[in-house]
Amino acid sequence: MEKIVIYQVLPRLFGNQCTENIKNGTLLQNGCGKFADFSEKALSAIKKLGATHIWYTGVIEHATQTDYSRNKIRKDNPIVVKGQAGSPYAIKDYYDIDPDLATTVKNRIKEFEALVKRSHEAGLKVIMDFVPNHVARQYHSDAKPAGTRDLGEDDVTSVSYNRDNNFYYLPDQKFIPCEPLKDGEAEYVEYPAKVTGNDCFWNAPSVNDWYETVKLNYGVDYNNNRCKDFFPTPNTWQKMRDILLYWSAKGVDGFRCDMAEMVPVEFWQWVIPQVKNEHPGLIFIAETYDPNQYGMYLYDGHFDYLYDKVGLYDTLKGVIRGEQPTSNITFCWQSHPDLEDRLLNFLENHDEQRIASDFFAGDPVKAMPAMLISATLTKGPVMVYCGQELGEAGMDEEGFSGRDGRTTIFDYWSVESIRNWVNGGKMDGKKLTAEQKALQKRYAKLLNICNKEKAIAEGEFFDLMYCNYENPDFDSTKQYVFLRKKDKDLLLIVSNFEDKDVNITVNIAEHAFDYLGIGKWKEYAAKELINGETRPMTLSPDSPVAISIPAHSGVIWKITIK
């Protein structure tokens, strides 16, 4: 069993070497990364960081302001597209690949298939997005397999709801865009108006709504107290199953399912076993935000893993920013003690603000003790967002995205830190600063430890915070300590969120010895896995262990139990 380490990356950004970024710039002005930029050398570099999986974000064709009509791709009206490049989550054709990412547009499917093959050859499993809740307003598939009916093609548009409609409608109402027409732009006509992706049942969604999308109908009648109308199987269920099977057949290893909680759990319960039956080994990861539904989506919905955004992510962010004590981490995992190994941990992704941004911590080093916890606390997956390991601040004002501490997913842009790492495809990092190189090295060290240590991927967990609250040589608001154990390997892991080096002692509760099967009052040889230090270490419930930890850092002491 391996520890899953996911590297999330937007191909649009990764290989783009354009140095002259223009706010709201076009594809021609600002450029765009391609699948070809993920060369053997690039994939090898990502693998060396410690990644086991790579999540290529935004590869399915989505709405864009770039005109590809010469390639027989329908042009989108810019009034219902966010940004020049468009949102990767406003899917325009579920059966096609984003033409921006292809070196030769007509070969875009083959280029994606080649990317999957190269990734596998580099030892990386491939994850892609599945966006089940909504599509672009001007959805149209020109790449669907023969005999496939398009979404909405057979809808009865005169009614707001029909079980076998793919969309929800607002009869006798015209869609009113929230943005005014610009000179030379054609009017966007949608009649009757469709319900917006974020459940806006109004024909004039605001700029804060997902106005560029329309909601898919899974057989939930919102006009009738959300009555579930699932028998016989709704048409949308069947179409979405076929889409999952289409991409599974191309060799992908997993799906990150966008806003999974906005789709009935009964659909997942129906579809995931069918897809896995044909493609064993696939993993399904749900983007989730309601801890009260975690168990339902794992056990009833058959997901392998769920985002833990409102749990560990929010807690660690609060600790990094000095807004919460480290002791809250214990309360966090205790809130779902039977599920923690099936929750995906992260400190960054495309939706969240960059650690180094002015809106988060302002300094990427401040997050290193949290990254240690995120990566080693459970058996579950950990994810790193491209540029996180370089201290990318995300403080550009790219266009639609604005200066918000996030790296844009809507605009054509080039990210300087990533650009300097890629360095024209050399992947030598020679243009990186000393600080960026040092940070990247720290991430690689930690993630590769996760790869190698079975105690992290498979081991038992024991929280030591409760026996250190009254320890005068341990600050339970700034340090966090726990054990992981597998077979004869015991890991003592401590994070220090202080902005100074500390010398602390750690109590090991007597119950830990019994629970983990550790011999008491014995001296063991111990090795610190991050810096390589070795020392003898006596483990006893009556004798605290003395530990030194640098500022904004942590230690992983490995003890071999004889």
Protein backbone atom coordinates (compact mmCIF):
# COMPACT_ATOMS: atom_id res chain seq x y z
CA MET A 1 0.00 0.00 0.00
CA GLU A 2 1.44 3.37 -1.01
CA LYS A 3 0.90 6.80 0.47
CA ILE A 4 -0.88 8.75 -2.26
CA VAL A 5 0.90 12.04 -2.96
CA ILE A 6 -0.97 14.10 -5.54
CA TYR A 7 0.64 16.88 -7.53
CA GLN A 8 -2.04 19.20 -8.92
CA VAL A 9 -1.11 21.19 -12.00
CA LEU A 10 -2.89 23.29 -14.63
CA PRO A 11 -1.25 22.43 -17.96
CA ARG A 12 -2.32 25.87 -19.18
CA LEU A 13 0.12 27.43 -16.69
CA PHE A 14 2.86 24.84 -16.26
CA GLY A 15 4.77 25.13 -19.52
CA ASN A 16 3.95 28.72 -20.43
CA GLN A 17 7.29 30.53 -20.80
CA CYS A 18 5.86 33.88 -21.89
CA THR A 19 7.52 36.63 -19.85
CA GLU A 20 5.31 39.54 -20.93
CA ASN A 21 1.97 39.00 -19.24
CA ILE A 22 -0.79 41.44 -20.16
CA LYS A 23 -3.82 41.84 -17.90
CA ASN A 24 -6.81 40.23 -19.65
CA GLY A 25 -4.40 39.17 -22.37
CA THR A 26 -5.45 36.85 -25.18
CA LEU A 27 -3.96 33.49 -26.03
CA LEU A 28 -1.84 35.16 -28.70
CA GLN A 29 -0.59 37.82 -26.26
CA ASN A 30 0.07 35.75 -23.14
CA GLY A 31 0.60 32.26 -24.48
CA CYS A 32 -0.48 28.94 -23.01
CA GLY A 33 1.20 25.78 -21.77
CA LYS A 34 0.78 22.57 -23.74
CA PHE A 35 0.61 18.87 -23.01
CA ALA A 36 3.96 18.59 -24.79
CA ASP A 37 5.55 20.64 -21.98
CA PHE A 38 5.16 17.59 -19.76
CA SER A 39 8.22 15.96 -21.24
CA GLU A 40 9.97 12.92 -19.78
CA LYS A 41 12.32 15.34 -18.03
CA ALA A 42 9.45 17.38 -16.56
CA LEU A 43 7.54 14.33 -15.36
CA SER A 44 10.71 12.89 -13.86
CA ALA A 45 11.21 16.13 -11.91
CA ILE A 46 7.65 15.94 -10.57
CA LYS A 47 8.16 12.30 -9.63
CA LYS A 48 11.38 13.22 -7.78
CA LEU A 49 9.40 15.67 -5.67
CA GLY A 50 7.69 12.61 -4.23
CA ALA A 51 4.47 12.60 -6.26
CA THR A 52 2.74 9.30 -6.92
CA HIS A 53 -0.20 10.83 -8.80
CA ILE A 54 -0.54 13.88 -11.04
CA TRP A 55 -3.85 15.70 -11.32
CA TYR A 56 -4.05 17.45 -14.68
CA THR A 57 -6.58 20.18 -13.97
CA GLY A 58 -8.72 21.65 -16.74
CA VAL A 59 -8.04 19.23 -19.60
CA ILE A 60 -11.63 18.73 -20.80
CA GLU A 61 -12.87 21.26 -23.36
CA HIS A 62 -14.46 24.23 -21.64
CA ALA A 63 -15.93 27.57 -22.67
CA THR A 64 -13.37 30.13 -23.81
CA GLN A 65 -13.18 33.53 -25.46
CA THR A 66 -10.60 32.18 -27.93
CA ASP A 67 -12.13 31.50 -31.34
CA TYR A 68 -11.47 27.95 -32.57
CA SER A 69 -14.17 27.95 -35.24
CA ARG A 70 -11.51 27.30 -37.91
CA ASN A 71 -11.05 23.95 -36.16
CA LYS A 72 -14.79 23.22 -36.35
CA ILE A 73 -15.28 24.07 -32.67
CA ARG A 74 -18.25 26.31 -31.91
CA LYS A 75 -17.37 29.82 -30.79
CA ASP A 76 -18.55 30.87 -27.33
CA ASN A 77 -20.26 34.16 -26.63
CA PRO A 78 -17.83 36.02 -24.31
CA ILE A 79 -20.67 37.40 -22.21
CA VAL A 80 -21.09 33.95 -20.63
CA VAL A 81 -17.39 33.14 -20.29
CA LYS A 82 -15.33 34.07 -17.24
CA GLY A 83 -11.94 35.40 -18.34
CA GLN A 84 -10.19 35.16 -21.68
CA ALA A 85 -9.27 31.51 -21.20
CA GLY A 86 -12.51 30.55 -19.44
CA SER A 87 -13.22 28.45 -16.39
CA PRO A 88 -12.07 24.81 -16.60
CA TYR A 89 -15.31 23.99 -14.78
CA ALA A 90 -17.61 25.39 -17.46
CA ILE A 91 -17.47 22.22 -19.54
CA LYS A 92 -18.31 22.78 -23.20
CA ASP A 93 -17.86 19.21 -24.45
CA TYR A 94 -17.45 16.28 -22.05
CA TYR A 95 -15.99 14.14 -24.82
CA ASP A 96 -13.26 16.50 -25.97
CA ILE A 97 -9.97 18.01 -24.85
CA ASP A 98 -9.27 21.71 -24.38
CA PRO A 99 -7.78 22.88 -27.70
CA ASP A 100 -5.55 25.40 -25.89
CA LEU A 101 -3.44 22.52 -24.59
CA ALA A 102 -2.71 20.84 -27.90
CA THR A 103 0.28 21.53 -30.10
CA THR A 104 -1.90 20.55 -33.07
CA VAL A 105 -5.56 21.17 -32.32
CA LYS A 106 -6.95 18.40 -34.50
CA ASN A 107 -4.74 15.90 -32.64
CA ARG A 108 -5.76 17.02 -29.15
CA ILE A 109 -7.26 13.68 -28.08
CA LYS A 110 -4.17 11.79 -29.26
CA GLU A 111 -1.92 14.29 -27.49
CA PHE A 112 -3.82 13.69 -24.25
CA GLU A 113 -3.52 9.94 -24.67
CA ALA A 114 0.22 10.37 -25.23
CA LEU A 115 0.41 12.47 -22.04
CA VAL A 116 -1.26 9.69 -20.04
CA LYS A 117 1.22 7.19 -21.49
CA ARG A 118 4.24 9.42 -20.67
CA SER A 119 2.97 9.96 -17.15
CA HIS A 120 2.65 6.24 -16.57
CA GLU A 121 6.12 5.63 -17.95
CA ALA A 122 7.42 8.20 -15.46
CA GLY A 123 5.79 6.27 -12.60
CA LEU A 124 2.91 8.69 -12.11
CA LYS A 125 -0.76 7.78 -12.04
CA VAL A 126 -3.13 10.21 -13.74
CA ILE A 127 -6.10 11.98 -12.19
CA MET A 128 -8.45 14.18 -14.20
CA ASP A 129 -11.50 16.28 -13.36
CA PHE A 130 -15.02 15.00 -13.62
CA VAL A 131 -17.47 17.91 -13.41
CA PRO A 132 -20.89 16.36 -12.75
CA ASN A 133 -23.02 19.23 -11.47
CA HIS A 134 -22.96 21.76 -14.30
CA VAL A 135 -21.82 22.56 -17.83
CA ALA A 136 -21.16 25.70 -19.87
CA ARG A 137 -24.24 27.61 -20.95
CA GLN A 138 -23.46 26.91 -24.62
CA TYR A 139 -22.69 23.23 -24.12
CA HIS A 140 -22.40 21.30 -27.36
CA SER A 141 -20.44 18.13 -28.04
CA ASP A 142 -18.89 17.84 -31.46
CA ALA A 143 -16.73 14.90 -30.37
CA LYS A 144 -19.32 12.59 -28.83
CA PRO A 145 -19.25 8.94 -29.96
CA ALA A 146 -21.56 7.89 -32.75
CA GLY A 147 -25.09 7.26 -31.52
CA THR A 148 -24.67 9.42 -28.40
CA ARG A 149 -27.39 11.96 -27.77
CA ASP A 150 -26.15 15.36 -26.61
CA LEU A 151 -27.03 16.82 -23.24
CA GLY A 152 -30.30 18.71 -23.57
CA GLU A 153 -30.90 17.50 -27.11
CA ASP A 154 -34.13 15.72 -26.18
CA ASP A 155 -35.26 18.00 -23.34
CA VAL A 156 -38.84 19.20 -23.03
CA THR A 157 -38.09 22.89 -22.57
CA SER A 158 -41.64 24.03 -21.93
CA VAL A 159 -41.57 22.67 -18.35
CA SER A 160 -39.28 23.55 -15.46
CA TYR A 161 -38.71 19.91 -14.53
CA ASN A 162 -38.93 16.58 -16.25
CA ARG A 163 -37.16 13.50 -14.89
CA ASP A 164 -35.42 12.80 -18.17
CA ASN A 165 -34.51 16.38 -18.99
CA ASN A 166 -30.79 17.02 -18.63
CA PHE A 167 -31.33 20.65 -17.57
CA TYR A 168 -33.73 22.67 -15.44
CA TYR A 169 -35.66 25.44 -17.18
CA LEU A 170 -37.42 28.69 -16.35
CA PRO A 171 -40.34 28.56 -18.80
CA ASP A 172 -41.36 31.76 -20.57
CA GLN A 173 -38.31 33.60 -19.19
CA LYS A 174 -35.36 34.86 -21.19
CA PHE A 175 -31.88 34.61 -19.72
CA ILE A 176 -30.52 38.04 -18.76
CA PRO A 177 -26.70 38.24 -18.65
CA CYS A 178 -25.17 40.04 -15.70
CA GLU A 179 -22.52 41.68 -17.88
CA PRO A 180 -23.36 44.32 -20.50
CA LEU A 181 -22.61 43.72 -24.16
CA LYS A 182 -19.40 45.27 -25.44
CA ASP A 183 -19.06 46.96 -28.81
CA GLY A 184 -19.12 44.44 -31.62
CA GLU A 185 -20.33 41.54 -29.47
CA ALA A 186 -23.33 39.50 -30.56
CA GLU A 187 -26.30 39.28 -28.23
CA TYR A 188 -26.48 36.08 -26.21
CA VAL A 189 -29.90 34.50 -26.53
CA GLU A 190 -31.13 31.75 -24.20
CA TYR A 191 -34.84 31.05 -24.14
CA PRO A 192 -36.16 29.63 -22.00
CA ALA A 193 -33.49 30.42 -19.42
CA LYS A 194 -31.77 27.51 -17.74
CA VAL A 195 -31.04 27.24 -14.02
CA THR A 196 -27.50 28.28 -13.10
CA GLY A 197 -24.90 25.79 -11.80
CA ASN A 198 -24.95 27.07 -8.22
CA ASP A 199 -28.72 26.49 -7.91
CA CYS A 200 -29.73 30.01 -8.90
CA PHE A 201 -33.36 29.51 -9.99
CA TRP A 202 -33.63 32.99 -11.44
CA ASN A 203 -33.25 34.15 -15.02
CA ALA A 204 -30.86 36.97 -14.12
CA PRO A 205 -27.99 35.51 -12.07
CA SER A 206 -25.56 37.97 -10.49
CA VAL A 207 -21.85 38.32 -11.16
CA ASN A 208 -21.28 36.35 -7.95
CA ASP A 209 -23.26 33.40 -9.27
CA TRP A 210 -21.83 30.72 -11.52
CA TYR A 211 -23.57 32.56 -14.32
CA GLU A 212 -21.46 30.91 -17.02
CA THR A 213 -22.86 27.45 -16.18
CA VAL A 214 -26.16 25.57 -16.18
CA LYS A 215 -27.16 22.95 -13.65
CA LEU A 216 -27.61 19.31 -14.62
CA ASN A 217 -30.78 17.48 -13.61
CA TYR A 218 -30.25 14.19 -11.78
CA GLY A 219 -33.92 13.59 -11.09
CA VAL A 220 -34.39 15.95 -8.15
CA ASP A 221 -37.62 17.93 -8.43
CA TYR A 222 -36.91 21.29 -6.80
CA ASN A 223 -40.52 22.36 -7.38
CA ASN A 224 -41.74 19.52 -5.20
CA ASN A 225 -39.67 19.71 -1.99
CA ARG A 226 -36.64 18.26 -3.75
CA CYS A 227 -38.50 15.02 -4.36
CA LYS A 228 -36.18 12.28 -5.62
CA ASP A 229 -37.37 10.85 -8.91
CA PHE A 230 -34.77 8.14 -9.57
CA PHE A 231 -36.77 5.22 -10.97
CA PRO A 232 -36.39 4.34 -13.73
CA THR A 233 -32.81 5.59 -14.01
CA PRO A 234 -32.76 9.26 -15.09
CA ASN A 235 -31.30 10.05 -18.49
CA THR A 236 -28.57 12.29 -17.02
CA TRP A 237 -27.27 9.40 -14.89
CA GLN A 238 -26.79 7.26 -17.98
CA LYS A 239 -25.09 10.02 -19.95
CA MET A 240 -22.66 10.80 -17.13
CA ARG A 241 -21.82 7.13 -16.64
CA ASP A 242 -20.94 6.89 -20.31
CA ILE A 243 -18.63 9.92 -19.98
CA LEU A 244 -16.79 8.35 -17.04
CA LEU A 245 -16.38 5.10 -18.97
CA TYR A 246 -15.10 7.01 -22.01
CA TRP A 247 -12.24 8.64 -20.09
CA SER A 248 -11.54 5.54 -18.00
CA ALA A 249 -10.92 3.64 -21.21
CA LYS A 250 -8.17 6.13 -22.07
CA GLY A 251 -6.10 4.94 -19.14
CA VAL A 252 -6.70 7.54 -16.46
CA ASP A 253 -6.31 6.24 -12.93
CA GLY A 254 -8.77 8.41 -11.07
CA PHE A 255 -11.27 11.24 -11.06
CA ARG A 256 -11.45 14.31 -8.86
CA CYS A 257 -15.19 14.94 -8.80
CA ASP A 258 -16.05 18.63 -8.66
CA MET A 259 -18.68 19.74 -6.10
CA ALA A 260 -19.71 16.12 -5.55
CA GLU A 261 -22.15 17.07 -2.79
CA MET A 262 -24.29 18.99 -5.28
CA VAL A 263 -25.10 15.68 -6.99
CA PRO A 264 -27.36 13.12 -5.25
CA VAL A 265 -25.40 10.47 -3.37
CA GLU A 266 -27.66 7.87 -5.00
CA PHE A 267 -26.05 8.67 -8.37
CA TRP A 268 -22.57 7.98 -7.00
CA GLN A 269 -23.85 4.82 -5.33
CA TRP A 270 -25.10 3.69 -8.75
CA VAL A 271 -22.26 4.83 -11.01
CA ILE A 272 -18.97 4.28 -9.16
CA PRO A 273 -19.34 0.48 -8.80
CA GLN A 274 -20.24 0.21 -12.49
CA VAL A 275 -17.17 2.17 -13.59
CA LYS A 276 -14.88 0.30 -11.20
CA ASN A 277 -16.27 -3.02 -12.38
CA GLU A 278 -14.95 -2.26 -15.86
CA HIS A 279 -11.81 -0.47 -14.67
CA PRO A 280 -10.62 -1.93 -11.34
CA GLY A 281 -8.16 0.22 -9.45
CA LEU A 282 -9.70 3.57 -10.36
CA ILE A 283 -9.96 6.03 -7.48
CA PHE A 284 -12.72 8.57 -6.98
CA ILE A 285 -12.03 11.72 -4.98
CA ALA A 286 -14.92 13.99 -3.99
CA GLU A 287 -14.70 17.72 -3.49
CA THR A 288 -16.74 18.03 -0.29
CA TYR A 289 -17.49 20.73 2.26
CA ASP A 290 -20.05 19.27 4.66
CA PRO A 291 -18.52 17.03 7.36
CA ASN A 292 -22.01 15.86 8.29
CA GLN A 293 -22.19 14.10 4.92
CA TYR A 294 -18.68 12.62 4.86
CA GLY A 295 -19.78 9.16 5.94
CA MET A 296 -22.67 9.12 3.48
CA TYR A 297 -20.48 9.93 0.48
CA LEU A 298 -17.79 7.45 1.54
CA TYR A 299 -19.95 4.48 2.49
CA ASP A 300 -23.14 4.99 0.50
CA GLY A 301 -21.57 6.89 -2.38
CA HIS A 302 -18.53 4.61 -2.69
CA PHE A 303 -15.96 7.40 -2.91
CA ASP A 304 -12.42 6.43 -2.04
CA TYR A 305 -11.42 9.81 -0.62
CA LEU A 306 -12.97 13.17 0.25
CA TYR A 307 -11.56 16.68 0.51
CA ASP A 308 -11.17 17.76 4.14
CA LYS A 309 -11.29 21.48 3.49
CA VAL A 310 -13.49 22.57 6.38
CA GLY A 311 -11.70 20.22 8.76
CA LEU A 312 -7.93 19.92 8.72
CA TYR A 313 -7.29 22.58 6.06
CA ASP A 314 -9.20 25.30 7.87
CA THR A 315 -7.68 24.28 11.21
CA LEU A 316 -4.11 24.28 9.93
CA LYS A 317 -4.65 27.61 8.20
CA GLY A 318 -5.83 29.03 11.51
CA VAL A 319 -2.79 27.63 13.32
CA ILE A 320 -0.36 28.99 10.71
CA ARG A 321 -1.94 32.44 11.02
CA GLY A 322 -1.84 32.33 14.83
CA GLU A 323 -5.64 32.32 15.05
CA GLN A 324 -5.98 28.82 16.53
CA PRO A 325 -3.90 26.73 18.95
CA THR A 326 -2.30 23.51 17.75
CA SER A 327 -4.48 21.63 20.22
CA ASN A 328 -7.40 22.23 17.85
CA ILE A 329 -5.82 19.75 15.45
CA THR A 330 -6.74 17.00 17.91
CA PHE A 331 -10.37 18.16 18.03
CA CYS A 332 -10.32 18.20 14.24
CA TRP A 333 -9.46 14.52 13.72
CA GLN A 334 -11.60 13.47 16.69
CA SER A 335 -14.65 14.92 14.93
CA HIS A 336 -14.53 12.02 12.43
CA PRO A 337 -12.24 9.38 14.04
CA ASP A 338 -13.30 6.54 11.75
CA LEU A 339 -12.89 8.48 8.51
CA GLU A 340 -9.56 10.31 8.84
CA ASP A 341 -7.63 7.86 6.64
CA ARG A 342 -10.03 8.50 3.76
CA LEU A 343 -9.74 12.28 3.80
CA LEU A 344 -7.44 14.08 1.38
CA ASN A 345 -5.24 16.67 3.09
CA PHE A 346 -3.89 19.81 1.43
CA LEU A 347 -2.72 23.34 2.16
CA GLU A 348 -3.20 24.69 -1.37
CA ASN A 349 -5.32 24.01 -4.42
CA HIS A 350 -6.71 26.12 -7.27
CA ASP A 351 -9.64 27.36 -5.15
CA GLU A 352 -7.64 28.45 -2.12
CA GLN A 353 -5.27 31.34 -1.53
CA ARG A 354 -1.56 30.70 -1.83
CA ILE A 355 0.28 30.25 1.48
CA ALA A 356 2.83 32.90 0.53
CA SER A 357 0.16 35.42 -0.47
CA ASP A 358 -0.63 38.49 1.58
CA PHE A 359 -4.05 36.95 2.23
CA PHE A 360 -2.72 33.80 3.95
CA ALA A 361 0.70 33.70 5.66
CA GLY A 362 2.89 35.99 3.56
CA ASP A 363 5.78 33.54 3.94
CA PRO A 364 5.75 29.94 2.64
CA VAL A 365 8.15 28.76 5.36
CA LYS A 366 5.50 29.44 8.01
CA ALA A 367 3.47 26.55 6.61
CA MET A 368 6.17 23.89 6.84
CA PRO A 369 5.10 22.54 10.26
CA ALA A 370 1.53 22.35 8.93
CA MET A 371 2.74 20.59 5.79
CA LEU A 372 4.46 17.99 7.98
CA ILE A 373 1.16 17.33 9.76
CA SER A 374 -0.87 17.35 6.55
CA ALA A 375 1.45 14.77 5.00
CA THR A 376 1.99 12.41 7.94
CA LEU A 377 -1.04 12.59 10.25
CA THR A 378 -3.06 9.88 8.47
CA LYS A 379 -2.83 7.12 5.89
CA GLY A 380 -4.92 9.25 3.52
CA PRO A 381 -3.67 11.17 0.48
CA VAL A 382 -1.83 14.48 0.63
CA MET A 383 -1.86 17.01 -2.20
CA VAL A 384 0.54 19.75 -3.31
CA TYR A 385 -0.47 22.45 -5.80
CA CYS A 386 2.07 23.31 -8.50
CA GLY A 387 4.13 26.27 -7.27
CA GLN A 388 3.39 25.65 -3.59
CA GLU A 389 6.77 23.98 -3.22
CA LEU A 390 8.37 27.10 -4.74
CA GLY A 391 6.64 29.58 -2.46
CA GLU A 392 4.48 31.00 -5.26
CA ALA A 393 2.58 33.97 -3.83
CA GLY A 394 -0.25 34.22 -6.37
CA MET A 395 -0.29 37.99 -6.05
CA ASP A 396 -0.61 38.79 -9.76
CA GLU A 397 -3.61 40.67 -11.13
CA GLU A 398 -4.17 38.51 -14.15
CA GLY A 399 -7.56 39.68 -15.39
CA PHE A 400 -10.88 38.16 -14.40
CA SER A 401 -9.20 36.54 -11.42
CA GLY A 402 -7.96 39.79 -9.92
CA ARG A 403 -5.31 40.21 -7.25
CA ASP A 404 -6.73 37.79 -4.72
CA GLY A 405 -3.84 35.59 -3.62
CA ARG A 406 -4.84 32.80 -5.98
CA THR A 407 -3.25 31.71 -9.24
CA THR A 408 -5.83 32.32 -11.95
CA ILE A 409 -7.81 29.52 -13.53
CA PHE A 410 -9.69 31.93 -15.81
CA ASP A 411 -6.94 33.82 -17.62
CA TYR A 412 -4.03 33.16 -19.95
CA TRP A 413 -1.00 33.73 -17.76
CA SER A 414 2.55 32.69 -17.00
CA VAL A 415 3.66 32.11 -13.38
CA GLU A 416 7.19 33.34 -12.81
CA SER A 417 8.20 30.81 -10.13
CA ILE A 418 7.00 27.86 -12.21
CA ARG A 419 8.50 29.39 -15.35
CA ASN A 420 11.88 29.66 -13.66
CA TRP A 421 11.72 26.07 -12.45
CA VAL A 422 10.81 24.75 -15.90
CA ASN A 423 13.46 27.02 -17.47
CA GLY A 424 12.60 26.42 -21.08
CA GLY A 425 12.06 22.71 -20.54
CA LYS A 426 15.44 22.10 -18.91
CA MET A 427 13.78 21.51 -15.51
CA ASP A 428 17.08 22.42 -13.85
CA GLY A 429 15.72 25.16 -11.60
CA LYS A 430 18.77 27.32 -12.27
CA LYS A 431 16.66 30.47 -12.39
CA LEU A 432 15.12 29.80 -8.98
CA THR A 433 16.22 31.85 -6.00
CA ALA A 434 18.17 30.25 -3.18
CA GLU A 435 15.06 30.45 -1.00
CA GLN A 436 12.93 28.71 -3.63
CA LYS A 437 15.48 25.93 -4.07
CA ALA A 438 15.66 25.40 -0.33
CA LEU A 439 11.86 25.26 -0.01
CA GLN A 440 11.52 22.84 -2.91
CA LYS A 441 14.18 20.63 -1.31
CA ARG A 442 12.23 20.61 1.96
CA TYR A 443 9.04 19.55 0.18
CA ALA A 444 10.84 16.83 -1.75
CA LYS A 445 12.46 15.50 1.43
CA LEU A 446 9.14 15.32 3.27
CA LEU A 447 7.13 13.82 0.42
CA ASN A 448 9.75 11.19 -0.32
CA ILE A 449 9.75 10.22 3.35
CA CYS A 450 6.01 9.64 2.93
CA ASN A 451 6.79 7.37 -0.02
CA LYS A 452 9.34 5.30 1.90
CA GLU A 453 7.95 4.96 5.41
CA LYS A 454 5.29 2.29 5.85
CA ALA A 455 4.43 3.77 9.21
CA ILE A 456 3.07 6.82 7.38
CA ALA A 457 1.29 4.95 4.59
CA GLU A 458 -0.05 2.08 6.69
CA GLY A 459 0.71 2.67 10.36
CA GLU A 460 -1.33 3.21 13.50
CA PHE A 461 -1.77 6.73 14.88
CA PHE A 462 -1.56 7.90 18.48
CA ASP A 463 -2.07 11.52 19.51
CA LEU A 464 0.20 12.62 22.38
CA MET A 465 -1.27 16.06 22.94
CA TYR A 466 -3.48 15.07 25.88
CA CYS A 467 -0.50 13.99 27.98
CA ASN A 468 1.46 17.17 27.23
CA TYR A 469 -1.10 19.90 28.00
CA GLU A 470 0.36 20.43 31.49
CA ASN A 471 3.96 19.81 30.42
CA PRO A 472 5.87 23.03 31.29
CA ASP A 473 8.42 22.25 28.57
CA PHE A 474 5.84 21.90 25.78
CA ASP A 475 3.59 24.60 24.33
CA SER A 476 0.31 22.99 23.32
CA THR A 477 -0.67 26.14 21.43
CA LYS A 478 2.45 26.11 19.22
CA GLN A 479 3.62 22.49 19.02
CA TYR A 480 1.84 19.34 17.93
CA VAL A 481 3.05 15.79 18.62
CA PHE A 482 1.90 12.30 17.68
CA LEU A 483 3.14 8.78 16.97
CA ARG A 484 2.82 6.56 13.89
CA LYS A 485 3.78 2.87 14.02
CA LYS A 486 3.96 -0.04 11.61
CA ASP A 487 5.54 -3.37 12.55
CA LYS A 488 8.87 -2.50 14.22
CA ASP A 489 9.03 1.09 12.97
CA LEU A 490 7.91 3.84 15.34
CA LEU A 491 7.81 7.49 14.26
CA LEU A 492 7.72 10.32 16.78
CA ILE A 493 6.55 13.39 14.84
CA VAL A 494 6.60 16.91 16.26
CA SER A 495 5.75 20.21 14.54
CA ASN A 496 6.84 23.61 15.82
CA PHE A 497 4.83 26.66 14.72
CA GLU A 498 6.97 29.06 16.76
CA ASP A 499 9.01 31.69 14.94
CA LYS A 500 12.02 30.60 17.01
CA ASP A 501 13.99 27.42 17.65
CA VAL A 502 12.72 25.49 20.66
CA ASN A 503 14.03 22.89 23.09
CA ILE A 504 11.09 20.91 24.40
CA THR A 505 10.28 17.68 26.16
CA VAL A 506 7.57 15.24 25.09
CA ASN A 507 5.65 12.96 27.44
CA ILE A 508 4.68 9.59 26.03
CA ALA A 509 1.53 8.29 27.70
CA GLU A 510 1.61 4.82 29.21
CA HIS A 511 -1.43 3.89 27.14
CA ALA A 512 0.63 4.54 23.99
CA PHE A 513 3.04 1.77 24.96
CA ASP A 514 0.22 -0.68 25.44
CA TYR A 515 -1.79 0.40 22.39
CA LEU A 516 1.18 0.33 19.99
CA GLY A 517 3.06 -2.58 21.60
CA ILE A 518 6.18 -0.62 22.54
CA GLY A 519 8.58 -1.85 25.19
CA LYS A 520 8.86 0.50 28.18
CA TRP A 521 12.00 1.83 29.85
CA LYS A 522 14.19 0.85 26.91
CA GLU A 523 16.89 2.74 25.05
CA TYR A 524 16.62 2.66 21.28
CA ALA A 525 18.69 3.95 18.39
CA ALA A 526 16.81 6.84 16.80
CA LYS A 527 17.29 8.69 13.52
CA GLU A 528 15.73 12.02 12.54
CA LEU A 529 14.55 11.46 8.97
CA ILE A 530 14.59 15.09 7.82
CA ASN A 531 18.11 16.16 8.85
CA GLY A 532 19.74 12.74 9.33
CA GLU A 533 20.73 13.22 12.99
CA THR A 534 21.14 10.06 15.09
CA ARG A 535 21.02 9.59 18.86
CA PRO A 536 20.00 7.09 21.52
CA MET A 537 16.45 7.64 22.77
CA THR A 538 14.95 6.19 25.92
CA LEU A 539 11.21 5.58 25.78
CA SER A 540 9.43 5.56 29.10
CA PRO A 541 6.12 6.84 30.45
CA ASP A 542 8.10 8.33 33.35
CA SER A 543 10.87 10.02 31.37
CA PRO A 544 10.01 12.76 28.82
CA VAL A 545 11.97 12.79 25.54
CA ALA A 546 14.06 15.92 24.97
CA ILE A 547 13.75 17.30 21.43
CA SER A 548 15.14 20.35 19.63
CA ILE A 549 13.18 21.80 16.70
CA PRO A 550 14.04 24.78 14.46
CA ALA A 551 11.56 27.62 13.96
CA HIS A 552 8.66 26.90 11.59
CA SER A 553 9.73 23.31 11.22
CA GLY A 554 9.33 19.81 12.54
CA VAL A 555 11.05 16.51 13.18
CA ILE A 556 10.36 12.87 12.39
CA TRP A 557 12.29 10.64 14.77
CA LYS A 558 12.36 7.02 13.60
CA ILE A 559 12.89 4.36 16.25
CA THR A 560 13.26 0.70 15.39
CA ILE A 561 11.52 -1.34 18.07
CA LYS A 562 13.38 -4.54 18.90
